[in-house]
C-alpha atoms as a PDB file:
ATOM      1  CA  LEU A   1     -99.864-117.149  10.115  1.00  0.00           C
ATOM      2  CA  ARG A   2     -98.829-120.892  10.301  1.00  0.00           C
ATOM      3  CA  VAL A   3     -97.414-123.050  13.020  1.00  0.00           C
ATOM      4  CA  GLU A   4     -95.461-126.469  12.688  1.00  0.00           C
ATOM      5  CA  CYS A   5     -96.398-128.897  15.624  1.00  0.00           C
ATOM      6  CA  SER A   6     -93.782-131.546  15.148  1.00  0.00           C
ATOM      7  CA  GLU A   7     -92.362-133.004  18.219  1.00  0.00           C
ATOM      8  CA  ALA A   8     -94.200-134.332  21.523  1.00  0.00           C
ATOM      9  CA  SER A   9     -95.988-137.859  22.489  1.00  0.00           C
ATOM     10  CA  ASP A  10     -98.813-139.445  20.187  1.00  0.00           C
ATOM     11  CA  GLY A  11    -102.464-138.148  21.409  1.00  0.00           C
ATOM     12  CA  SER A  12    -101.054-134.393  22.224  1.00  0.00           C
ATOM     13  CA  THR A  13    -102.495-131.460  21.355  1.00  0.00           C
ATOM     14  CA  ILE A  14    -101.371-128.105  20.645  1.00  0.00           C
ATOM     15  CA  ARG A  15    -103.396-124.886  21.286  1.00  0.00           C
ATOM     16  CA  VAL A  16    -102.625-121.647  19.634  1.00  0.00           C
ATOM     17  CA  ALA A  17    -104.214-118.199  20.551  1.00  0.00           C
ATOM     18  CA  LEU A  18    -103.153-114.883  19.109  1.00  0.00           C
ATOM     19  CA  LEU A  19    -103.890-111.905  21.594  1.00  0.00           C
ATOM     20  CA  GLY A  20    -104.409-108.543  20.333  1.00  0.00           C
ATOM     21  CA  GLU A  21    -101.941-105.399  21.376  1.00  0.00           C
ATOM     22  CA  ALA A  22    -103.678-104.968  24.676  1.00  0.00           C
ATOM     23  CA  HIS A  23    -103.490-108.527  25.125  1.00  0.00           C
ATOM     24  CA  GLN A  24    -106.906-108.804  26.123  1.00  0.00           C
ATOM     25  CA  GLU A  25    -108.886-109.687  22.888  1.00  0.00           C
ATOM     26  CA  GLU A  26    -108.167-113.318  21.153  1.00  0.00           C
ATOM     27  CA  ILE A  27    -107.906-112.542  17.580  1.00  0.00           C
ATOM     28  CA  TRP A  28    -107.426-116.378  16.624  1.00  0.00           C
ATOM     29  CA  SER A  29    -107.005-119.472  17.824  1.00  0.00           C
ATOM     30  CA  ALA A  30    -107.030-123.205  16.815  1.00  0.00           C
ATOM     31  CA  SER A  31    -106.298-126.611  17.818  1.00  0.00           C
ATOM     32  CA  ALA A  32    -104.287-129.452  16.236  1.00  0.00           C
ATOM     33  CA  GLY A  33    -102.815-132.987  17.036  1.00  0.00           C
ATOM     34  CA  VAL A  34     -98.973-133.411  16.751  1.00  0.00           C
ATOM     35  CA  GLY A  35     -97.746-133.161  13.071  1.00  0.00           C
ATOM     36  CA  ASP A  36    -100.786-130.967  11.846  1.00  0.00           C
ATOM     37  CA  ASP A  37     -99.929-127.492  11.201  1.00  0.00           C
ATOM     38  CA  LEU A  38    -101.985-124.696  11.716  1.00  0.00           C
ATOM     39  CA  THR A  39    -102.581-122.069   9.152  1.00  0.00           C
ATOM     40  CA  THR A  40    -104.590-119.129   8.414  1.00  0.00           C
ATOM     41  CA  ALA A  41    -104.951-115.803   6.403  1.00  0.00           C
ATOM     42  CA  GLY A  42    -106.763-112.799   6.298  1.00  0.00           C
ATOM     43  CA  LEU A  43    -106.266-111.665   9.801  1.00  0.00           C
ATOM     44  CA  GLU A  44    -107.506-108.332  10.976  1.00  0.00           C
ATOM     45  CA  VAL A  45    -103.901-107.138  12.433  1.00  0.00           C
ATOM     46  CA  LEU A  46    -101.922-103.807  12.134  1.00  0.00           C
ATOM     47  CA  PRO A  47     -98.932-103.869   9.857  1.00  0.00           C
ATOM     48  CA  TRP A  48     -95.547-103.859  12.178  1.00  0.00           C
ATOM     49  CA  SER A  49     -92.970-101.413  11.169  1.00  0.00           C
ATOM     50  CA  ALA A  50     -90.520 -99.138  12.562  1.00  0.00           C
ATOM     51  CA  GLU A  51     -92.650 -96.576  12.528  1.00  0.00           C
ATOM     52  CA  GLU A  52     -95.629 -97.924  14.039  1.00  0.00           C
ATOM     53  CA  PRO A  53     -94.191-101.330  15.591  1.00  0.00           C
ATOM     54  CA  ALA A  54     -97.670-103.145  16.623  1.00  0.00           C
ATOM     55  CA  LEU A  55     -96.781-106.240  18.392  1.00  0.00           C
ATOM     56  CA  TYR A  56     -99.139-109.435  19.026  1.00  0.00           C
ATOM     57  CA  THR A  57     -98.741-111.887  21.681  1.00  0.00           C
ATOM     58  CA  LEU A  58     -98.955-115.610  20.059  1.00  0.00           C
ATOM     59  CA  VAL A  59     -99.423-118.570  22.797  1.00  0.00           C
ATOM     60  CA  VAL A  60     -98.767-121.902  21.982  1.00  0.00           C
ATOM     61  CA  THR A  61     -99.846-124.519  24.801  1.00  0.00           C
ATOM     62  CA  LEU A  62     -99.016-128.528  24.511  1.00  0.00           C
ATOM     63  CA  SER A  63    -101.141-130.522  26.262  1.00  0.00           C
ATOM     64  CA  ASP A  64    -102.643-134.537  26.759  1.00  0.00           C
ATOM     65  CA  GLU A  65    -105.237-136.030  27.844  1.00  0.00           C
ATOM     66  CA  GLU A  66    -103.623-138.095  30.419  1.00  0.00           C
ATOM     67  CA  ALA A  67    -101.276-135.175  31.975  1.00  0.00           C
ATOM     68  CA  GLY A  68    -103.111-131.948  30.944  1.00  0.00           C
ATOM     69  CA  THR A  69    -100.964-129.028  30.038  1.00  0.00           C
ATOM     70  CA  GLN A  70     -97.483-129.711  29.306  1.00  0.00           C
ATOM     71  CA  ASP A  71     -96.112-126.771  28.242  1.00  0.00           C
ATOM     72  CA  THR A  72     -96.999-123.182  27.479  1.00  0.00           C
ATOM     73  CA  VAL A  73     -95.053-120.420  25.680  1.00  0.00           C
ATOM     74  CA  ALA A  74     -95.930-117.136  24.755  1.00  0.00           C
ATOM     75  CA  MET A  75     -94.175-115.106  22.180  1.00  0.00           C
ATOM     76  CA  GLN A  76     -94.485-111.537  20.792  1.00  0.00           C
ATOM     77  CA  ILE A  77     -94.749-111.596  17.044  1.00  0.00           C
ATOM     78  CA  GLY A  78     -95.694-109.017  14.187  1.00  0.00           C
ATOM     79  CA  PHE A  79     -96.846-108.822  10.931  1.00  0.00           C
ATOM     80  CA  ARG A  80     -94.878-107.230   7.778  1.00  0.00           C
ATOM     81  CA  ASP A  81     -94.879-107.527   4.233  1.00  0.00           C
ATOM     82  CA  LEU A  82     -91.545-106.250   3.204  1.00  0.00           C
ATOM     83  CA  GLY A  83     -90.764-105.443  -0.167  1.00  0.00           C
ATOM     84  CA  VAL A  84     -89.721-101.931  -1.618  1.00  0.00           C
ATOM     85  CA  CYS A  85     -92.488-100.879   0.027  1.00  0.00           C
ATOM     86  CA  LEU A  86     -94.005-101.204   3.357  1.00  0.00           C
ATOM     87  CA  ALA A  87     -97.568-100.560   4.121  1.00  0.00           C
ATOM     88  CA  GLY A  88     -97.929 -98.894   0.441  1.00  0.00           C
ATOM     89  CA  ARG A  89     -95.183 -96.356   1.453  1.00  0.00           C
ATOM     90  CA  PRO A  90     -91.434 -96.648  -0.532  1.00  0.00           C
ATOM     91  CA  LEU A  91     -88.889 -98.238   2.423  1.00  0.00           C
ATOM     92  CA  VAL A  92     -86.346 -95.945   3.398  1.00  0.00           C
ATOM     93  CA  LEU A  93     -83.612 -97.491   5.537  1.00  0.00           C
ATOM     94  CA  ARG A  94     -81.409 -94.654   7.620  1.00  0.00           C
ATOM     95  CA  GLY A  95     -78.953 -96.960   9.990  1.00  0.00           C
ATOM     96  CA  VAL A  96     -76.251 -97.310  11.964  1.00  0.00           C
ATOM     97  CA  ARG A  97     -73.449-100.434  12.260  1.00  0.00           C
ATOM     98  CA  ARG A  98     -73.789-102.118  15.504  1.00  0.00           C
ATOM     99  CA  ASN A  99     -71.241-104.144  17.560  1.00  0.00           C
ATOM    100  CA  GLU A 100     -72.019-106.273  20.846  1.00  0.00           C
ATOM    101  CA  CYS A 101     -69.574-104.696  22.764  1.00  0.00           C
ATOM    102  CA  ASP A 102     -69.022-102.249  25.846  1.00  0.00           C
ATOM    103  CA  GLY A 103     -66.201-100.125  26.769  1.00  0.00           C
ATOM    104  CA  ARG A 104     -66.599-100.745  30.493  1.00  0.00           C
ATOM    105  CA  SER A 105     -67.853-105.062  30.501  1.00  0.00           C
ATOM    106  CA  GLY A 106     -66.676-106.080  27.051  1.00  0.00           C
ATOM    107  CA  LEU A 107     -69.176-108.303  25.130  1.00  0.00           C
ATOM    108  CA  ALA A 108     -71.310-108.303  28.099  1.00  0.00           C
ATOM    109  CA  VAL A 109     -73.664-105.768  26.671  1.00  0.00           C
ATOM    110  CA  GLY A 110     -76.126-104.675  29.882  1.00  0.00           C
ATOM    111  CA  LEU A 111     -80.140-104.498  29.010  1.00  0.00           C
ATOM    112  CA  GLN A 112     -79.695-100.744  30.174  1.00  0.00           C
ATOM    113  CA  ASP A 113     -77.228-100.178  27.583  1.00  0.00           C
ATOM    114  CA  MET A 114     -79.092-101.908  24.446  1.00  0.00           C
ATOM    115  CA  ILE A 115     -82.179 -99.481  25.683  1.00  0.00           C
ATOM    116  CA  GLU A 116     -79.968 -96.385  25.626  1.00  0.00           C
ATOM    117  CA  ASP A 117     -78.675 -97.530  21.878  1.00  0.00           C
ATOM    118  CA  ILE A 118     -82.112 -98.127  20.731  1.00  0.00           C
ATOM    119  CA  VAL A 119     -83.568 -94.515  22.210  1.00  0.00           C
ATOM    120  CA  TRP A 120     -80.362 -92.733  20.694  1.00  0.00           C
ATOM    121  CA  CYS A 121     -81.245 -94.257  17.652  1.00  0.00           C
ATOM    122  CA  LYS A 122     -85.143 -93.828  17.470  1.00  0.00           C
ATOM    123  CA  ARG A 123     -83.592 -89.812  18.769  1.00  0.00           C
ATOM    124  CA  HIS A 124     -81.664 -89.156  15.642  1.00  0.00           C
ATOM    125  CA  GLY A 125     -83.792 -90.622  13.298  1.00  0.00           C
ATOM    126  CA  VAL A 126     -82.109 -93.739  12.834  1.00  0.00           C
ATOM    127  CA  ASN A 127     -84.329 -97.006  11.801  1.00  0.00           C
ATOM    128  CA  ALA A 128     -82.329 -99.504  10.774  1.00  0.00           C
ATOM    129  CA  VAL A 129     -79.303-101.195  12.594  1.00  0.00           C
ATOM    130  CA  VAL A 130     -76.775-103.561  10.880  1.00  0.00           C
ATOM    131  CA  ILE A 131     -75.285-105.951  13.257  1.00  0.00           C
ATOM    132  CA  GLU A 132     -71.799-106.771  13.144  1.00  0.00           C
ATOM    133  CA  GLN A 133     -69.100-108.998  14.566  1.00  0.00           C
ATOM    134  CA  GLY A 134     -71.763-112.325  15.281  1.00  0.00           C
ATOM    135  CA  ALA A 135     -75.585-112.322  16.376  1.00  0.00           C
ATOM    136  CA  ALA A 136     -76.410-109.586  19.128  1.00  0.00           C
ATOM    137  CA  HIS A 137     -77.927-110.596  22.393  1.00  0.00           C
ATOM    138  CA  ALA A 138     -81.160-112.816  22.150  1.00  0.00           C
ATOM    139  CA  ARG A 139     -82.783-109.254  24.187  1.00  0.00           C
ATOM    140  CA  PHE A 140     -81.801-106.883  21.452  1.00  0.00           C
ATOM    141  CA  TYR A 141     -84.111-108.575  18.738  1.00  0.00           C
ATOM    142  CA  ASP A 142     -86.947-108.037  21.498  1.00  0.00           C
ATOM    143  CA  LEU A 143     -86.107-104.580  22.181  1.00  0.00           C
ATOM    144  CA  ALA A 144     -85.889-103.563  18.274  1.00  0.00           C
ATOM    145  CA  ASP A 145     -89.011-105.431  17.891  1.00  0.00           C
ATOM    146  CA  GLN A 146     -90.964-103.168  20.666  1.00  0.00           C
ATOM    147  CA  TYR A 147     -88.939-100.209  19.912  1.00  0.00           C
ATOM    148  CA  GLY A 148     -89.412-100.267  16.436  1.00  0.00           C
ATOM    149  CA  LEU A 149     -86.215-100.457  14.396  1.00  0.00           C
ATOM    150  CA  TYR A 150     -85.217-102.515  11.120  1.00  0.00           C
ATOM    151  CA  VAL A 151     -82.169-105.451  11.972  1.00  0.00           C
ATOM    152  CA  ILE A 152     -80.172-106.337   9.130  1.00  0.00           C
ATOM    153  CA  ASP A 153     -78.812-109.651  11.337  1.00  0.00           C
ATOM    154  CA  ARG A 154     -75.464-111.509  11.330  1.00  0.00           C
ATOM    155  CA  ALA A 155     -75.034-115.098  11.119  1.00  0.00           C
ATOM    156  CA  SER A 156     -71.861-116.094  13.147  1.00  0.00           C
ATOM    157  CA  THR A 157     -68.440-114.844  11.839  1.00  0.00           C
ATOM    158  CA  MET A 158     -66.277-117.513  13.217  1.00  0.00           C
ATOM    159  CA  TYR A 159     -66.454-120.071  10.094  1.00  0.00           C
ATOM    160  CA  ALA A 160     -64.758-119.973   6.760  1.00  0.00           C
ATOM    161  CA  PRO A 161     -66.843-120.450   4.123  1.00  0.00           C
ATOM    162  CA  GLY A 162     -68.123-123.986   3.780  1.00  0.00           C
ATOM    163  CA  PRO A 163     -70.137-126.806   6.196  1.00  0.00           C
ATOM    164  CA  ALA A 164     -69.931-124.606   9.428  1.00  0.00           C
ATOM    165  CA  ARG A 165     -70.837-121.443   7.933  1.00  0.00           C
ATOM    166  CA  ASP A 166     -73.846-122.636   6.084  1.00  0.00           C
ATOM    167  CA  GLU A 167     -74.929-124.456   9.191  1.00  0.00           C
ATOM    168  CA  ALA A 168     -74.327-121.104  11.075  1.00  0.00           C
ATOM    169  CA  ILE A 169     -76.331-119.005   8.373  1.00  0.00           C
ATOM    170  CA  GLU A 170     -79.403-121.857   8.977  1.00  0.00           C
ATOM    171  CA  ALA A 171     -79.425-121.238  12.440  1.00  0.00           C
ATOM    172  CA  ALA A 172     -79.456-117.578  12.607  1.00  0.00           C
ATOM    173  CA  ILE A 173     -82.276-117.797  10.226  1.00  0.00           C
ATOM    174  CA  ARG A 174     -84.099-120.425  12.323  1.00  0.00           C
ATOM    175  CA  ARG A 175     -83.457-118.049  15.644  1.00  0.00           C
ATOM    176  CA  ASP A 176     -84.536-114.898  14.305  1.00  0.00           C
ATOM    177  CA  ARG A 177     -87.037-115.230  11.806  1.00  0.00           C
ATOM    178  CA  ALA A 178     -89.749-114.943  13.998  1.00  0.00           C
ATOM    179  CA  HIS A 179     -88.489-111.415  14.787  1.00  0.00           C
ATOM    180  CA  PRO A 180     -90.763-108.719  12.670  1.00  0.00           C
ATOM    181  CA  SER A 181     -87.538-106.364  13.257  1.00  0.00           C
ATOM    182  CA  VAL A 182     -85.147-108.549  11.254  1.00  0.00           C
ATOM    183  CA  ILE A 183     -85.530-107.767   7.492  1.00  0.00           C
ATOM    184  CA  ALA A 184     -82.215-109.575   6.529  1.00  0.00           C
ATOM    185  CA  TRP A 185     -79.505-111.361   6.786  1.00  0.00           C
ATOM    186  CA  ASN A 186     -75.636-110.661   6.770  1.00  0.00           C
ATOM    187  CA  VAL A 187     -73.710-113.389   5.828  1.00  0.00           C
ATOM    188  CA  GLY A 188     -70.612-112.905   4.668  1.00  0.00           C
ATOM    189  CA  ASP A 189     -67.737-110.018   5.053  1.00  0.00           C
ATOM    190  CA  VAL A 190     -67.568-107.459   2.887  1.00  0.00           C
ATOM    191  CA  ASP A 191     -63.731-108.374   1.560  1.00  0.00           C
ATOM    192  CA  GLU A 192     -64.547-111.886   0.604  1.00  0.00           C
ATOM    193  CA  GLU A 193     -65.469-112.832  -3.219  1.00  0.00           C
END
């Protein structure tokens, strides 16, 4: 686990705490000044997988002596080591393509529709989703983490190859890299050379 602390006023302190699956026990915590990175290894955590999606809560607090706590952010994270094997077993993807579109509401896909899509996938043995036509709603990635679906993410398809597309790809990676469900990024169209 690595936390980068880059922007805040001088004299600020970053405190990081990793909470267990039940959100009651603190597995690890550390503090550092702004500009320092916090790193740890060898944590006793269960690996995240689509079959057993173990999630932990990471709480990051920014504070200083004068103003006290300035901000606190909590997010669900998972730990995985992805390769051709996952947790010692060969990784087999059984997937579908997903467009962020609804017949009734267009591009405004509701939370209940996202949950129904994921439940349908789990019922039918699907463990992977390829995002088509641009990124999915941010909540979809949280649900994939929670329910256990591997996601092949998609960068924006608005740009032709060049600097704008490169920037869109980098933005997609920064946005979704903390999701254990995201295992790869699709960065181009099938018909591109």
